[in-house]
């Protein structure tokens, strides 16, 4: 594991195409917060799989780069006065594979719960915005 408490493995790490590869990641968070894992198999910036494990069959020969992003997202709601929907918030940093220094930190607050109003949570409303900002930056 590196300084951020992250490691990733690919099994097998070499072979003849088509090659099915099992990917596995492990990470720890200093605060004990829940971590999420996102895999990009083709470098297009789109999430191809989630979770600490994933698999992919590579159908062409050559060196492949797989990007793993581990996020430690914070989320919540804040009361906004009587008879008003909560403000939904989410904070995150990325990526986890750069040692102990994040390249970007994002805080998103959606006033009055956005389109979800009283039903809003930070994970539903603010997290997708934070993800889009981080993905655009990285």
Protein backbone atom coordinates (compact mmCIF):
# COMPACT_ATOMS: atom_id res chain seq x y z
CA UNK A 1 0.00 0.00 0.00
CA UNK A 2 1.19 3.54 -0.67
CA UNK A 3 1.00 6.48 1.75
CA UNK A 4 -2.72 6.94 1.26
CA UNK A 5 -3.39 3.36 2.30
CA UNK A 6 -4.29 2.23 -1.23
CA UNK A 7 -3.28 -0.73 -3.36
CA UNK A 8 -4.55 -2.38 -6.52
CA UNK A 9 -3.76 -5.64 -8.27
CA UNK A 10 -4.54 -7.20 -11.63
CA UNK A 11 -4.60 -10.99 -12.06
CA UNK A 12 -3.21 -12.05 -14.43
CA UNK A 13 -1.07 -9.03 -15.23
CA UNK A 14 0.01 -10.33 -18.66
CA UNK A 15 -1.18 -12.80 -21.26
CA UNK A 16 -2.58 -13.28 -24.74
CA UNK A 17 -5.74 -11.52 -25.90
CA UNK A 18 -8.53 -12.05 -25.22
CA UNK A 19 -7.43 -11.85 -21.59
CA UNK A 20 -9.86 -11.81 -18.68
CA UNK A 21 -8.37 -9.80 -15.82
CA UNK A 22 -9.60 -9.74 -12.23
CA UNK A 23 -8.95 -6.37 -10.56
CA UNK A 24 -8.87 -5.85 -6.84
CA UNK A 25 -8.32 -2.76 -4.71
CA UNK A 26 -7.91 -2.11 -1.02
CA UNK A 27 -7.88 1.25 0.73
CA UNK A 28 -8.16 2.61 4.22
CA UNK A 29 -9.37 5.95 5.43
CA UNK A 30 -7.76 7.67 8.41
CA UNK A 31 -11.21 8.71 9.70
CA UNK A 32 -12.74 5.29 9.07
CA UNK A 33 -15.14 6.78 6.52
CA UNK A 34 -16.74 4.59 3.86
CA UNK A 35 -14.80 4.60 0.60
CA UNK A 36 -16.17 4.16 -2.93
CA UNK A 37 -14.25 2.65 -5.82
CA UNK A 38 -14.64 3.59 -9.48
CA UNK A 39 -12.86 1.82 -12.38
CA UNK A 40 -12.22 3.30 -15.84
CA UNK A 41 -10.99 0.53 -18.16
CA UNK A 42 -10.59 2.47 -21.40
CA UNK A 43 -9.40 5.94 -20.37
CA UNK A 44 -12.53 7.74 -21.57
CA UNK A 45 -13.28 9.17 -18.12
CA UNK A 46 -16.47 7.15 -17.81
CA UNK A 47 -17.02 4.81 -14.88
CA UNK A 48 -17.01 1.25 -16.22
CA UNK A 49 -17.33 -0.58 -12.89
CA UNK A 50 -17.71 0.13 -9.20
CA UNK A 51 -16.68 -1.68 -6.06
CA UNK A 52 -13.41 -2.94 -4.62
CA UNK A 53 -13.30 -5.72 -7.22
CA UNK A 54 -14.01 -5.73 -10.93
CA UNK A 55 -13.21 -7.77 -14.02
CA UNK A 56 -12.57 -6.92 -17.64
CA UNK A 57 -11.78 -8.93 -20.75
CA UNK A 58 -9.23 -7.13 -22.91
CA UNK A 59 -9.78 -8.22 -26.51
CA UNK A 60 -6.80 -6.51 -28.15
CA UNK A 61 -3.07 -6.86 -27.58
CA UNK A 62 -0.97 -4.15 -25.98
CA UNK A 63 -0.39 -2.37 -22.71
CA UNK A 64 -3.61 -1.30 -20.99
CA UNK A 65 -4.07 1.46 -18.44
CA UNK A 66 -6.86 1.06 -15.92
CA UNK A 67 -7.69 4.03 -13.71
CA UNK A 68 -8.99 3.44 -10.20
CA UNK A 69 -10.46 6.33 -8.26
CA UNK A 70 -11.13 5.90 -4.55
CA UNK A 71 -13.34 8.55 -3.03
CA UNK A 72 -14.00 9.49 0.56
CA UNK A 73 -17.22 11.43 0.19
CA UNK A 74 -18.89 13.35 2.94
CA UNK A 75 -22.58 14.02 2.65
CA UNK A 76 -25.45 15.39 4.69
CA UNK A 77 -28.28 17.84 5.00
CA UNK A 78 -28.58 21.06 6.96
CA UNK A 79 -31.79 22.51 8.31
CA UNK A 80 -32.88 25.65 6.61
CA UNK A 81 -35.52 27.14 8.91
CA UNK A 82 -39.12 26.26 9.46
CA UNK A 83 -41.21 25.25 6.47
CA UNK A 84 -38.20 25.17 4.11
CA UNK A 85 -36.52 22.13 2.53
CA UNK A 86 -33.05 21.20 3.80
CA UNK A 87 -29.88 22.33 2.08
CA UNK A 88 -28.13 19.23 0.69
CA UNK A 89 -24.33 19.09 0.82
CA UNK A 90 -21.47 16.83 -0.24
CA UNK A 91 -17.69 17.12 0.05
CA UNK A 92 -15.06 14.96 -1.64
CA UNK A 93 -11.44 14.84 -2.74
CA UNK A 94 -9.65 12.91 -5.48
CA UNK A 95 -7.74 11.00 -6.61
CA UNK A 96 -6.55 8.68 -3.87
CA UNK A 97 -3.61 7.35 -5.90
CA UNK A 98 -1.53 10.54 -5.60
CA UNK A 99 -0.07 9.89 -2.13
CA UNK A 100 -1.51 11.86 0.72
CA UNK A 101 -2.18 15.04 -1.28
CA UNK A 102 -5.39 15.33 -3.26
CA UNK A 103 -5.35 17.10 -6.63
CA UNK A 104 -8.84 18.50 -6.09
CA UNK A 105 -11.26 19.02 -3.21
CA UNK A 106 -14.91 19.89 -3.86
CA UNK A 107 -17.76 21.08 -1.64
CA UNK A 108 -21.25 21.32 -3.13
CA UNK A 109 -24.28 22.84 -1.39
CA UNK A 110 -27.67 22.71 -3.10
CA UNK A 111 -30.03 25.21 -1.52
CA UNK A 112 -33.51 24.07 -0.53
CA UNK A 113 -32.81 20.52 -1.76
CA UNK A 114 -32.91 21.48 -5.42
CA UNK A 115 -35.60 19.68 -7.43
CA UNK A 116 -36.12 17.10 -4.66
CA UNK A 117 -37.07 19.65 -2.00
CA UNK A 118 -37.86 18.01 1.34
CA UNK A 119 -36.80 14.57 0.06
CA UNK A 120 -33.28 15.69 -0.84
CA UNK A 121 -30.09 14.23 0.61
CA UNK A 122 -26.51 15.19 -0.14
CA UNK A 123 -25.88 11.82 -1.77
CA UNK A 124 -28.83 12.21 -4.14
CA UNK A 125 -28.51 15.86 -5.10
CA UNK A 126 -25.03 17.20 -4.39
CA UNK A 127 -22.83 14.11 -4.93
CA UNK A 128 -23.51 13.84 -8.70
CA UNK A 129 -22.53 17.49 -9.10
CA UNK A 130 -19.31 16.95 -7.14
CA UNK A 131 -18.53 13.87 -9.24
CA UNK A 132 -19.01 15.81 -12.47
CA UNK A 133 -16.66 18.55 -11.26
CA UNK A 134 -13.99 16.03 -10.20
CA UNK A 135 -14.32 14.05 -13.44
CA UNK A 136 -14.02 17.23 -15.51
CA UNK A 137 -10.89 18.27 -13.58
CA UNK A 138 -9.17 14.89 -13.69
